[in-house]
Amino acid sequence: MAWIFLIIAGLCEMLGVTFMNWAIHRRTWPLWAAMILGYGLSFGFLDLALQTLPMGTAYAVWTGIGAAGGVITGMLFFGESKNWRKLLWVAVILVAVMGLKLIS
């Protein structure tokens, strides 16, 4: 169950970053509230995951999901460049996260 909490925490981190970008550009309070909710849920689910998983592994996986998800979200929704080098480094992040999962 801890791994599910950790994945949800990473996805909420992605939502927090996405809403932060929208909130900065549109400056409406519902977007700021959604950003705060996304980050709050992210930390809450990370806390649940840390009750079982080792801190180093959990933090690395959470950060990896957030970083890779942020890059992909930027490319899909915010017009950021979609070159193969960026996708290669996202793949490296994901492989590293999977490696950490396999050894823990």
PDB file of N, CA and C in Angstrom:
ATOM      1  N   MET A   1       0.813  -1.198   0.000  1.00  0.00           N
ATOM      2  CA  MET A   1       0.000   0.000   0.000  1.00  0.00           C
ATOM      3  C   MET A   1       0.859   1.266   0.000  1.00  0.00           C
ATOM      4  N   ALA A   2       2.037   1.163   0.617  1.00  0.00           N
ATOM      5  CA  ALA A   2       2.918   2.334   0.689  1.00  0.00           C
ATOM      6  C   ALA A   2       3.347   2.799  -0.694  1.00  0.00           C
ATOM      7  N   TRP A   3       3.588   1.848  -1.598  1.00  0.00           N
ATOM      8  CA  TRP A   3       3.988   2.227  -2.957  1.00  0.00           C
ATOM      9  C   TRP A   3       2.854   2.943  -3.682  1.00  0.00           C
ATOM     10  N   ILE A   4       1.629   2.527  -3.429  1.00  0.00           N
ATOM     11  CA  ILE A   4       0.480   3.220  -4.035  1.00  0.00           C
ATOM     12  C   ILE A   4       0.404   4.647  -3.492  1.00  0.00           C
ATOM     13  N   PHE A   5       0.584   4.803  -2.170  1.00  0.00           N
ATOM     14  CA  PHE A   5       0.598   6.141  -1.581  1.00  0.00           C
ATOM     15  C   PHE A   5       1.698   6.998  -2.196  1.00  0.00           C
ATOM     16  N   LEU A   6       2.842   6.387  -2.435  1.00  0.00           N
ATOM     17  CA  LEU A   6       3.970   7.125  -3.003  1.00  0.00           C
ATOM     18  C   LEU A   6       3.688   7.568  -4.433  1.00  0.00           C
ATOM     19  N   ILE A   7       3.081   6.711  -5.220  1.00  0.00           N
ATOM     20  CA  ILE A   7       2.732   7.075  -6.602  1.00  0.00           C
ATOM     21  C   ILE A   7       1.697   8.194  -6.595  1.00  0.00           C
ATOM     22  N   ILE A   8       0.687   8.085  -5.727  1.00  0.00           N
ATOM     23  CA  ILE A   8      -0.311   9.150  -5.622  1.00  0.00           C
ATOM     24  C   ILE A   8       0.353  10.463  -5.197  1.00  0.00           C
ATOM     25  N   ALA A   9       1.302  10.386  -4.265  1.00  0.00           N
ATOM     26  CA  ALA A   9       2.028  11.584  -3.824  1.00  0.00           C
ATOM     27  C   ALA A   9       2.765  12.229  -4.999  1.00  0.00           C
ATOM     28  N   GLY A  10       3.411  11.414  -5.822  1.00  0.00           N
ATOM     29  CA  GLY A  10       4.118  11.948  -6.992  1.00  0.00           C
ATOM     30  C   GLY A  10       3.170  12.580  -7.992  1.00  0.00           C
ATOM     31  N   LEU A  11       2.018  11.959  -8.209  1.00  0.00           N
ATOM     32  CA  LEU A  11       1.037  12.519  -9.137  1.00  0.00           C
ATOM     33  C   LEU A  11       0.462  13.831  -8.610  1.00  0.00           C
ATOM     34  N   CYS A  12       0.241  13.908  -7.305  1.00  0.00           N
ATOM     35  CA  CYS A  12      -0.226  15.160  -6.700  1.00  0.00           C
ATOM     36  C   CYS A  12       0.836  16.244  -6.800  1.00  0.00           C
ATOM     37  N   GLU A  13       2.090  15.863  -6.708  1.00  0.00           N
ATOM     38  CA  GLU A  13       3.196  16.807  -6.903  1.00  0.00           C
ATOM     39  C   GLU A  13       3.132  17.397  -8.317  1.00  0.00           C
ATOM     40  N   MET A  14       2.872  16.527  -9.292  1.00  0.00           N
ATOM     41  CA  MET A  14       2.718  16.999 -10.675  1.00  0.00           C
ATOM     42  C   MET A  14       1.556  17.982 -10.783  1.00  0.00           C
ATOM     43  N   LEU A  15       0.450  17.673 -10.135  1.00  0.00           N
ATOM     44  CA  LEU A  15      -0.693  18.585 -10.159  1.00  0.00           C
ATOM     45  C   LEU A  15      -0.337  19.924  -9.522  1.00  0.00           C
ATOM     46  N   GLY A  16       0.383  19.885  -8.407  1.00  0.00           N
ATOM     47  CA  GLY A  16       0.794  21.119  -7.756  1.00  0.00           C
ATOM     48  C   GLY A  16       1.627  21.995  -8.678  1.00  0.00           C
ATOM     49  N   VAL A  17       2.576  21.388  -9.379  1.00  0.00           N
ATOM     50  CA  VAL A  17       3.427  22.144 -10.306  1.00  0.00           C
ATOM     51  C   VAL A  17       2.604  22.699 -11.466  1.00  0.00           C
ATOM     52  N   THR A  18       1.701  21.885 -11.988  1.00  0.00           N
ATOM     53  CA  THR A  18       0.860  22.317 -13.108  1.00  0.00           C
ATOM     54  C   THR A  18      -0.015  23.500 -12.698  1.00  0.00           C
ATOM     55  N   PHE A  19      -0.675  23.381 -11.549  1.00  0.00           N
ATOM     56  CA  PHE A  19      -1.518  24.482 -11.096  1.00  0.00           C
ATOM     57  C   PHE A  19      -0.696  25.712 -10.728  1.00  0.00           C
ATOM     58  N   MET A  20       0.540  25.516 -10.259  1.00  0.00           N
ATOM     59  CA  MET A  20       1.398  26.658  -9.981  1.00  0.00           C
ATOM     60  C   MET A  20       1.657  27.446 -11.265  1.00  0.00           C
ATOM     61  N   ASN A  21       1.957  26.741 -12.331  1.00  0.00           N
ATOM     62  CA  ASN A  21       2.224  27.410 -13.600  1.00  0.00           C
ATOM     63  C   ASN A  21       0.981  28.169 -14.079  1.00  0.00           C
ATOM     64  N   TRP A  22      -0.173  27.522 -14.013  1.00  0.00           N
ATOM     65  CA  TRP A  22      -1.414  28.203 -14.404  1.00  0.00           C
ATOM     66  C   TRP A  22      -1.689  29.396 -13.494  1.00  0.00           C
ATOM     67  N   ALA A  23      -1.497  29.221 -12.191  1.00  0.00           N
ATOM     68  CA  ALA A  23      -1.782  30.292 -11.237  1.00  0.00           C
ATOM     69  C   ALA A  23      -0.885  31.503 -11.467  1.00  0.00           C
ATOM     70  N   ILE A  24       0.366  31.259 -11.796  1.00  0.00           N
ATOM     71  CA  ILE A  24       1.293  32.371 -12.038  1.00  0.00           C
ATOM     72  C   ILE A  24       0.869  33.167 -13.268  1.00  0.00           C
ATOM     73  N   HIS A  25       0.375  32.481 -14.293  1.00  0.00           N
ATOM     74  CA  HIS A  25       0.004  33.165 -15.530  1.00  0.00           C
ATOM     75  C   HIS A  25      -1.394  33.762 -15.505  1.00  0.00           C
ATOM     76  N   ARG A  26      -2.318  33.149 -14.782  1.00  0.00           N
ATOM     77  CA  ARG A  26      -3.709  33.622 -14.805  1.00  0.00           C
ATOM     78  C   ARG A  26      -4.115  34.378 -13.543  1.00  0.00           C
ATOM     79  N   ARG A  27      -3.406  34.168 -12.455  1.00  0.00           N
ATOM     80  CA  ARG A  27      -3.617  34.895 -11.203  1.00  0.00           C
ATOM     81  C   ARG A  27      -5.062  34.876 -10.709  1.00  0.00           C
ATOM     82  N   THR A  28      -5.637  33.685 -10.625  1.00  0.00           N
ATOM     83  CA  THR A  28      -6.966  33.553 -10.037  1.00  0.00           C
ATOM     84  C   THR A  28      -6.858  32.692  -8.777  1.00  0.00           C
ATOM     85  N   TRP A  29      -7.671  32.990  -7.790  1.00  0.00           N
ATOM     86  CA  TRP A  29      -7.565  32.294  -6.507  1.00  0.00           C
ATOM     87  C   TRP A  29      -7.898  30.811  -6.603  1.00  0.00           C
ATOM     88  N   PRO A  30      -8.832  30.343  -7.476  1.00  0.00           N
ATOM     89  CA  PRO A  30      -9.064  28.898  -7.524  1.00  0.00           C
ATOM     90  C   PRO A  30      -7.823  28.113  -7.973  1.00  0.00           C
ATOM     91  N   LEU A  31      -7.028  28.708  -8.858  1.00  0.00           N
ATOM     92  CA  LEU A  31      -5.801  28.029  -9.291  1.00  0.00           C
ATOM     93  C   LEU A  31      -4.782  27.980  -8.153  1.00  0.00           C
ATOM     94  N   TRP A  32      -4.686  29.049  -7.371  1.00  0.00           N
ATOM     95  CA  TRP A  32      -3.786  29.043  -6.215  1.00  0.00           C
ATOM     96  C   TRP A  32      -4.264  28.019  -5.195  1.00  0.00           C
ATOM     97  N   ALA A  33      -5.585  27.932  -4.994  1.00  0.00           N
ATOM     98  CA  ALA A  33      -6.136  26.953  -4.050  1.00  0.00           C
ATOM     99  C   ALA A  33      -5.859  25.530  -4.535  1.00  0.00           C
ATOM    100  N   ALA A  34      -5.999  25.304  -5.847  1.00  0.00           N
ATOM    101  CA  ALA A  34      -5.728  23.973  -6.402  1.00  0.00           C
ATOM    102  C   ALA A  34      -4.259  23.610  -6.243  1.00  0.00           C
ATOM    103  N   MET A  35      -3.370  24.590  -6.402  1.00  0.00           N
ATOM    104  CA  MET A  35      -1.943  24.345  -6.214  1.00  0.00           C
ATOM    105  C   MET A  35      -1.661  23.939  -4.765  1.00  0.00           C
ATOM    106  N   ILE A  36      -2.218  24.676  -3.830  1.00  0.00           N
ATOM    107  CA  ILE A  36      -2.006  24.374  -2.412  1.00  0.00           C
ATOM    108  C   ILE A  36      -2.575  23.001  -2.072  1.00  0.00           C
ATOM    109  N   LEU A  37      -3.752  22.685  -2.615  1.00  0.00           N
ATOM    110  CA  LEU A  37      -4.353  21.373  -2.385  1.00  0.00           C
ATOM    111  C   LEU A  37      -3.470  20.259  -2.963  1.00  0.00           C
ATOM    112  N   GLY A  38      -2.965  20.470  -4.187  1.00  0.00           N
ATOM    113  CA  GLY A  38      -2.092  19.466  -4.805  1.00  0.00           C
ATOM    114  C   GLY A  38      -0.856  19.196  -3.976  1.00  0.00           C
ATOM    115  N   TYR A  39      -0.197  20.267  -3.525  1.00  0.00           N
ATOM    116  CA  TYR A  39       0.995  20.092  -2.691  1.00  0.00           C
ATOM    117  C   TYR A  39       0.657  19.494  -1.333  1.00  0.00           C
ATOM    118  N   GLY A  40      -0.476  19.915  -0.761  1.00  0.00           N
ATOM    119  CA  GLY A  40      -0.890  19.359   0.528  1.00  0.00           C
ATOM    120  C   GLY A  40      -1.147  17.862   0.437  1.00  0.00           C
ATOM    121  N   LEU A  41      -1.872  17.447  -0.605  1.00  0.00           N
ATOM    122  CA  LEU A  41      -2.115  16.021  -0.803  1.00  0.00           C
ATOM    123  C   LEU A  41      -0.814  15.269  -1.061  1.00  0.00           C
ATOM    124  N   SER A  42       0.081  15.906  -1.817  1.00  0.00           N
ATOM    125  CA  SER A  42       1.363  15.278  -2.111  1.00  0.00           C
ATOM    126  C   SER A  42       2.138  14.985  -0.828  1.00  0.00           C
ATOM    127  N   PHE A  43       2.247  15.983   0.033  1.00  0.00           N
ATOM    128  CA  PHE A  43       2.966  15.781   1.299  1.00  0.00           C
ATOM    129  C   PHE A  43       2.232  14.802   2.205  1.00  0.00           C
ATOM    130  N   GLY A  44       0.904  14.834   2.184  1.00  0.00           N
ATOM    131  CA  GLY A  44       0.141  13.900   3.007  1.00  0.00           C
ATOM    132  C   GLY A  44       0.361  12.453   2.595  1.00  0.00           C
ATOM    133  N   PHE A  45       0.297  12.192   1.290  1.00  0.00           N
ATOM    134  CA  PHE A  45       0.523  10.827   0.817  1.00  0.00           C
ATOM    135  C   PHE A  45       1.985  10.414   0.968  1.00  0.00           C
ATOM    136  N   LEU A  46       2.908  11.364   0.823  1.00  0.00           N
ATOM    137  CA  LEU A  46       4.312  11.055   1.070  1.00  0.00           C
ATOM    138  C   LEU A  46       4.510  10.655   2.531  1.00  0.00           C
ATOM    139  N   ASP A  47       3.841  11.349   3.435  1.00  0.00           N
ATOM    140  CA  ASP A  47       3.920  11.005   4.852  1.00  0.00           C
ATOM    141  C   ASP A  47       3.422   9.578   5.098  1.00  0.00           C
ATOM    142  N   LEU A  48       2.316   9.214   4.458  1.00  0.00           N
ATOM    143  CA  LEU A  48       1.796   7.851   4.612  1.00  0.00           C
ATOM    144  C   LEU A  48       2.794   6.824   4.073  1.00  0.00           C
ATOM    145  N   ALA A  49       3.411   7.119   2.939  1.00  0.00           N
ATOM    146  CA  ALA A  49       4.371   6.186   2.346  1.00  0.00           C
ATOM    147  C   ALA A  49       5.612   6.037   3.223  1.00  0.00           C
ATOM    148  N   LEU A  50       6.042   7.144   3.849  1.00  0.00           N
ATOM    149  CA  LEU A  50       7.257   7.114   4.668  1.00  0.00           C
ATOM    150  C   LEU A  50       7.086   6.316   5.958  1.00  0.00           C
ATOM    151  N   GLN A  51       5.866   5.993   6.311  1.00  0.00           N
ATOM    152  CA  GLN A  51       5.645   5.175   7.498  1.00  0.00           C
ATOM    153  C   GLN A  51       6.120   3.736   7.283  1.00  0.00           C
ATOM    154  N   THR A  52       6.269   3.338   6.008  1.00  0.00           N
ATOM    155  CA  THR A  52       6.697   1.978   5.679  1.00  0.00           C
ATOM    156  C   THR A  52       8.001   1.945   4.882  1.00  0.00           C
ATOM    157  N   LEU A  53       8.125   2.831   3.916  1.00  0.00           N
ATOM    158  CA  LEU A  53       9.272   2.802   2.990  1.00  0.00           C
ATOM    159  C   LEU A  53      10.464   3.557   3.561  1.00  0.00           C
ATOM    160  N   PRO A  54      11.672   3.166   3.159  1.00  0.00           N
ATOM    161  CA  PRO A  54      12.855   3.922   3.575  1.00  0.00           C
ATOM    162  C   PRO A  54      12.813   5.344   3.004  1.00  0.00           C
ATOM    163  N   MET A  55      13.240   6.303   3.804  1.00  0.00           N
ATOM    164  CA  MET A  55      13.158   7.703   3.413  1.00  0.00           C
ATOM    165  C   MET A  55      13.898   8.009   2.115  1.00  0.00           C
ATOM    166  N   GLY A  56      15.119   7.511   1.964  1.00  0.00           N
ATOM    167  CA  GLY A  56      15.905   7.812   0.768  1.00  0.00           C
ATOM    168  C   GLY A  56      15.233   7.329  -0.499  1.00  0.00           C
ATOM    169  N   THR A  57      14.734   6.108  -0.478  1.00  0.00           N
ATOM    170  CA  THR A  57      14.056   5.546  -1.648  1.00  0.00           C
ATOM    171  C   THR A  57      12.764   6.298  -1.931  1.00  0.00           C
ATOM    172  N   ALA A  58      11.963   6.513  -0.896  1.00  0.00           N
ATOM    173  CA  ALA A  58      10.675   7.181  -1.080  1.00  0.00           C
ATOM    174  C   ALA A  58      10.866   8.597  -1.628  1.00  0.00           C
ATOM    175  N   TYR A  59      11.818   9.325  -1.074  1.00  0.00           N
ATOM    176  CA  TYR A  59      12.038  10.689  -1.532  1.00  0.00           C
ATOM    177  C   TYR A  59      12.527  10.711  -2.979  1.00  0.00           C
ATOM    178  N   ALA A  60      13.419   9.797  -3.327  1.00  0.00           N
ATOM    179  CA  ALA A  60      13.935   9.751  -4.701  1.00  0.00           C
ATOM    180  C   ALA A  60      12.824   9.412  -5.693  1.00  0.00           C
ATOM    181  N   VAL A  61      11.977   8.465  -5.340  1.00  0.00           N
ATOM    182  CA  VAL A  61      10.874   8.088  -6.237  1.00  0.00           C
ATOM    183  C   VAL A  61       9.892   9.251  -6.360  1.00  0.00           C
ATOM    184  N   TRP A  62       9.534   9.863  -5.249  1.00  0.00           N
ATOM    185  CA  TRP A  62       8.600  10.991  -5.250  1.00  0.00           C
ATOM    186  C   TRP A  62       9.141  12.139  -6.102  1.00  0.00           C
ATOM    187  N   THR A  63      10.406  12.451  -5.909  1.00  0.00           N
ATOM    188  CA  THR A  63      11.035  13.516  -6.681  1.00  0.00           C
ATOM    189  C   THR A  63      11.107  13.157  -8.161  1.00  0.00           C
ATOM    190  N   GLY A  64      11.434  11.894  -8.448  1.00  0.00           N
ATOM    191  CA  GLY A  64      11.519  11.456  -9.846  1.00  0.00           C
ATOM    192  C   GLY A  64      10.186  11.556 -10.563  1.00  0.00           C
ATOM    193  N   ILE A  65       9.123  11.120  -9.894  1.00  0.00           N
ATOM    194  CA  ILE A  65       7.790  11.221 -10.503  1.00  0.00           C
ATOM    195  C   ILE A  65       7.440  12.687 -10.734  1.00  0.00           C
ATOM    196  N   GLY A  66       7.708  13.525  -9.749  1.00  0.00           N
ATOM    197  CA  GLY A  66       7.406  14.945  -9.893  1.00  0.00           C
ATOM    198  C   GLY A  66       8.224  15.613 -10.988  1.00  0.00           C
ATOM    199  N   ALA A  67       9.515  15.297 -11.064  1.00  0.00           N
ATOM    200  CA  ALA A  67      10.387  15.919 -12.069  1.00  0.00           C
ATOM    201  C   ALA A  67      10.025  15.456 -13.475  1.00  0.00           C
ATOM    202  N   ALA A  68       9.917  14.150 -13.657  1.00  0.00           N
ATOM    203  CA  ALA A  68       9.575  13.623 -14.984  1.00  0.00           C
ATOM    204  C   ALA A  68       8.176  14.085 -15.383  1.00  0.00           C
ATOM    205  N   GLY A  69       7.256  14.045 -14.443  1.00  0.00           N
ATOM    206  CA  GLY A  69       5.894  14.485 -14.735  1.00  0.00           C
ATOM    207  C   GLY A  69       5.823  15.957 -15.060  1.00  0.00           C
ATOM    208  N   GLY A  70       6.618  16.760 -14.374  1.00  0.00           N
ATOM    209  CA  GLY A  70       6.650  18.187 -14.667  1.00  0.00           C
ATOM    210  C   GLY A  70       7.159  18.484 -16.069  1.00  0.00           C
ATOM    211  N   VAL A  71       8.183  17.769 -16.479  1.00  0.00           N
ATOM    212  CA  VAL A  71       8.722  17.949 -17.828  1.00  0.00           C
ATOM    213  C   VAL A  71       7.681  17.532 -18.872  1.00  0.00           C
ATOM    214  N   ILE A  72       7.070  16.382 -18.668  1.00  0.00           N
ATOM    215  CA  ILE A  72       6.073  15.886 -19.627  1.00  0.00           C
ATOM    216  C   ILE A  72       4.856  16.806 -19.665  1.00  0.00           C
ATOM    217  N   THR A  73       4.405  17.268 -18.509  1.00  0.00           N
ATOM    218  CA  THR A  73       3.275  18.195 -18.462  1.00  0.00           C
ATOM    219  C   THR A  73       3.618  19.494 -19.191  1.00  0.00           C
ATOM    220  N   GLY A  74       4.828  19.989 -18.986  1.00  0.00           N
ATOM    221  CA  GLY A  74       5.260  21.197 -19.686  1.00  0.00           C
ATOM    222  C   GLY A  74       5.239  21.025 -21.195  1.00  0.00           C
ATOM    223  N   MET A  75       5.671  19.868 -21.653  1.00  0.00           N
ATOM    224  CA  MET A  75       5.672  19.611 -23.097  1.00  0.00           C
ATOM    225  C   MET A  75       4.251  19.475 -23.647  1.00  0.00           C
ATOM    226  N   LEU A  76       3.372  18.818 -22.897  1.00  0.00           N
ATOM    227  CA  LEU A  76       2.012  18.568 -23.391  1.00  0.00           C
ATOM    228  C   LEU A  76       1.091  19.782 -23.298  1.00  0.00           C
ATOM    229  N   PHE A  77       1.208  20.562 -22.222  1.00  0.00           N
ATOM    230  CA  PHE A  77       0.223  21.608 -21.973  1.00  0.00           C
ATOM    231  C   PHE A  77       0.743  23.034 -22.048  1.00  0.00           C
ATOM    232  N   PHE A  78       2.057  23.214 -21.990  1.00  0.00           N
ATOM    233  CA  PHE A  78       2.583  24.570 -21.906  1.00  0.00           C
ATOM    234  C   PHE A  78       3.537  24.928 -23.044  1.00  0.00           C
ATOM    235  N   GLY A  79       3.556  24.140 -24.088  1.00  0.00           N
ATOM    236  CA  GLY A  79       4.328  24.474 -25.277  1.00  0.00           C
ATOM    237  C   GLY A  79       5.833  24.393 -25.127  1.00  0.00           C
ATOM    238  N   GLU A  80       6.320  23.651 -24.134  1.00  0.00           N
ATOM    239  CA  GLU A  80       7.768  23.506 -23.992  1.00  0.00           C
ATOM    240  C   GLU A  80       8.295  22.581 -25.087  1.00  0.00           C
ATOM    241  N   SER A  81       9.573  22.725 -25.413  1.00  0.00           N
ATOM    242  CA  SER A  81      10.160  21.957 -26.516  1.00  0.00           C
ATOM    243  C   SER A  81      10.072  20.452 -26.257  1.00  0.00           C
ATOM    244  N   LYS A  82       9.918  19.712 -27.355  1.00  0.00           N
ATOM    245  CA  LYS A  82       9.776  18.259 -27.280  1.00  0.00           C
ATOM    246  C   LYS A  82      10.927  17.583 -28.025  1.00  0.00           C
ATOM    247  N   ASN A  83      12.145  17.942 -27.711  1.00  0.00           N
ATOM    248  CA  ASN A  83      13.248  17.314 -28.435  1.00  0.00           C
ATOM    249  C   ASN A  83      13.629  15.978 -27.797  1.00  0.00           C
ATOM    250  N   TRP A  84      14.319  15.160 -28.562  1.00  0.00           N
ATOM    251  CA  TRP A  84      14.624  13.800 -28.132  1.00  0.00           C
ATOM    252  C   TRP A  84      15.557  13.768 -26.928  1.00  0.00           C
ATOM    253  N   ARG A  85      16.423  14.777 -26.783  1.00  0.00           N
ATOM    254  CA  ARG A  85      17.343  14.790 -25.641  1.00  0.00           C
ATOM    255  C   ARG A  85      16.594  14.958 -24.321  1.00  0.00           C
ATOM    256  N   LYS A  86      15.584  15.803 -24.332  1.00  0.00           N
ATOM    257  CA  LYS A  86      14.784  16.001 -23.122  1.00  0.00           C
ATOM    258  C   LYS A  86      14.076  14.692 -22.766  1.00  0.00           C
ATOM    259  N   LEU A  87      13.513  14.034 -23.766  1.00  0.00           N
ATOM    260  CA  LEU A  87      12.829  12.759 -23.525  1.00  0.00           C
ATOM    261  C   LEU A  87      13.810  11.679 -23.059  1.00  0.00           C
ATOM    262  N   LEU A  88      15.035  11.707 -23.572  1.00  0.00           N
ATOM    263  CA  LEU A  88      16.045  10.756 -23.131  1.00  0.00           C
ATOM    264  C   LEU A  88      16.332  10.924 -21.631  1.00  0.00           C
ATOM    265  N   TRP A  89      16.491  12.149 -21.163  1.00  0.00           N
ATOM    266  CA  TRP A  89      16.789  12.376 -19.750  1.00  0.00           C
ATOM    267  C   TRP A  89      15.596  12.081 -18.856  1.00  0.00           C
ATOM    268  N   VAL A  90      14.378  12.274 -19.362  1.00  0.00           N
ATOM    269  CA  VAL A  90      13.195  11.844 -18.608  1.00  0.00           C
ATOM    270  C   VAL A  90      13.219  10.326 -18.462  1.00  0.00           C
ATOM    271  N   ALA A  91      13.592   9.636 -19.541  1.00  0.00           N
ATOM    272  CA  ALA A  91      13.693   8.169 -19.490  1.00  0.00           C
ATOM    273  C   ALA A  91      14.753   7.736 -18.476  1.00  0.00           C
ATOM    274  N   VAL A  92      15.866   8.454 -18.408  1.00  0.00           N
ATOM    275  CA  VAL A  92      16.909   8.134 -17.424  1.00  0.00           C
ATOM    276  C   VAL A  92      16.357   8.276 -16.003  1.00  0.00           C
ATOM    277  N   ILE A  93      15.600   9.341 -15.757  1.00  0.00           N
ATOM    278  CA  ILE A  93      14.984   9.524 -14.434  1.00  0.00           C
ATOM    279  C   ILE A  93      14.077   8.345 -14.113  1.00  0.00           C
ATOM    280  N   LEU A  94      13.229   7.964 -15.061  1.00  0.00           N
ATOM    281  CA  LEU A  94      12.286   6.867 -14.819  1.00  0.00           C
ATOM    282  C   LEU A  94      12.992   5.538 -14.599  1.00  0.00           C
ATOM    283  N   VAL A  95      14.056   5.279 -15.349  1.00  0.00           N
ATOM    284  CA  VAL A  95      14.819   4.034 -15.165  1.00  0.00           C
ATOM    285  C   VAL A  95      15.488   4.036 -13.788  1.00  0.00           C
ATOM    286  N   ALA A  96      16.013   5.174 -13.376  1.00  0.00           N
ATOM    287  CA  ALA A  96      16.632   5.253 -12.048  1.00  0.00           C
ATOM    288  C   ALA A  96      15.608   5.009 -10.948  1.00  0.00           C
ATOM    289  N   VAL A  97      14.430   5.567 -11.101  1.00  0.00           N
ATOM    290  CA  VAL A  97      13.369   5.348 -10.108  1.00  0.00           C
ATOM    291  C   VAL A  97      12.989   3.874 -10.063  1.00  0.00           C
ATOM    292  N   MET A  98      12.848   3.251 -11.219  1.00  0.00           N
ATOM    293  CA  MET A  98      12.526   1.813 -11.247  1.00  0.00           C
ATOM    294  C   MET A  98      13.648   0.992 -10.611  1.00  0.00           C
ATOM    295  N   GLY A  99      14.892   1.397 -10.845  1.00  0.00           N
ATOM    296  CA  GLY A  99      16.025   0.701 -10.221  1.00  0.00           C
ATOM    297  C   GLY A  99      15.967   0.784  -8.703  1.00  0.00           C
ATOM    298  N   LEU A 100      15.627   1.956  -8.185  1.00  0.00           N
ATOM    299  CA  LEU A 100      15.500   2.107  -6.736  1.00  0.00           C
ATOM    300  C   LEU A 100      14.378   1.225  -6.187  1.00  0.00           C
ATOM    301  N   LYS A 101      13.311   1.120  -6.941  1.00  0.00           N
ATOM    302  CA  LYS A 101      12.191   0.273  -6.515  1.00  0.00           C
ATOM    303  C   LYS A 101      12.640  -1.197  -6.473  1.00  0.00           C
ATOM    304  N   LEU A 102      13.408  -1.608  -7.463  1.00  0.00           N
ATOM    305  CA  LEU A 102      13.830  -3.015  -7.541  1.00  0.00           C
ATOM    306  C   LEU A 102      14.790  -3.405  -6.417  1.00  0.00           C
ATOM    307  N   ILE A 103      15.601  -2.469  -5.958  1.00  0.00           N
ATOM    308  CA  ILE A 103      16.572  -2.840  -4.915  1.00  0.00           C
ATOM    309  C   ILE A 103      16.058  -2.593  -3.507  1.00  0.00           C
ATOM    310  N   SER A 104      14.852  -2.017  -3.358  1.00  0.00           N
ATOM    311  CA  SER A 104      14.370  -1.793  -1.993  1.00  0.00           C
ATOM    312  C   SER A 104      13.324  -2.816  -1.583  1.00  0.00           C
TER     313      SER A 104
END
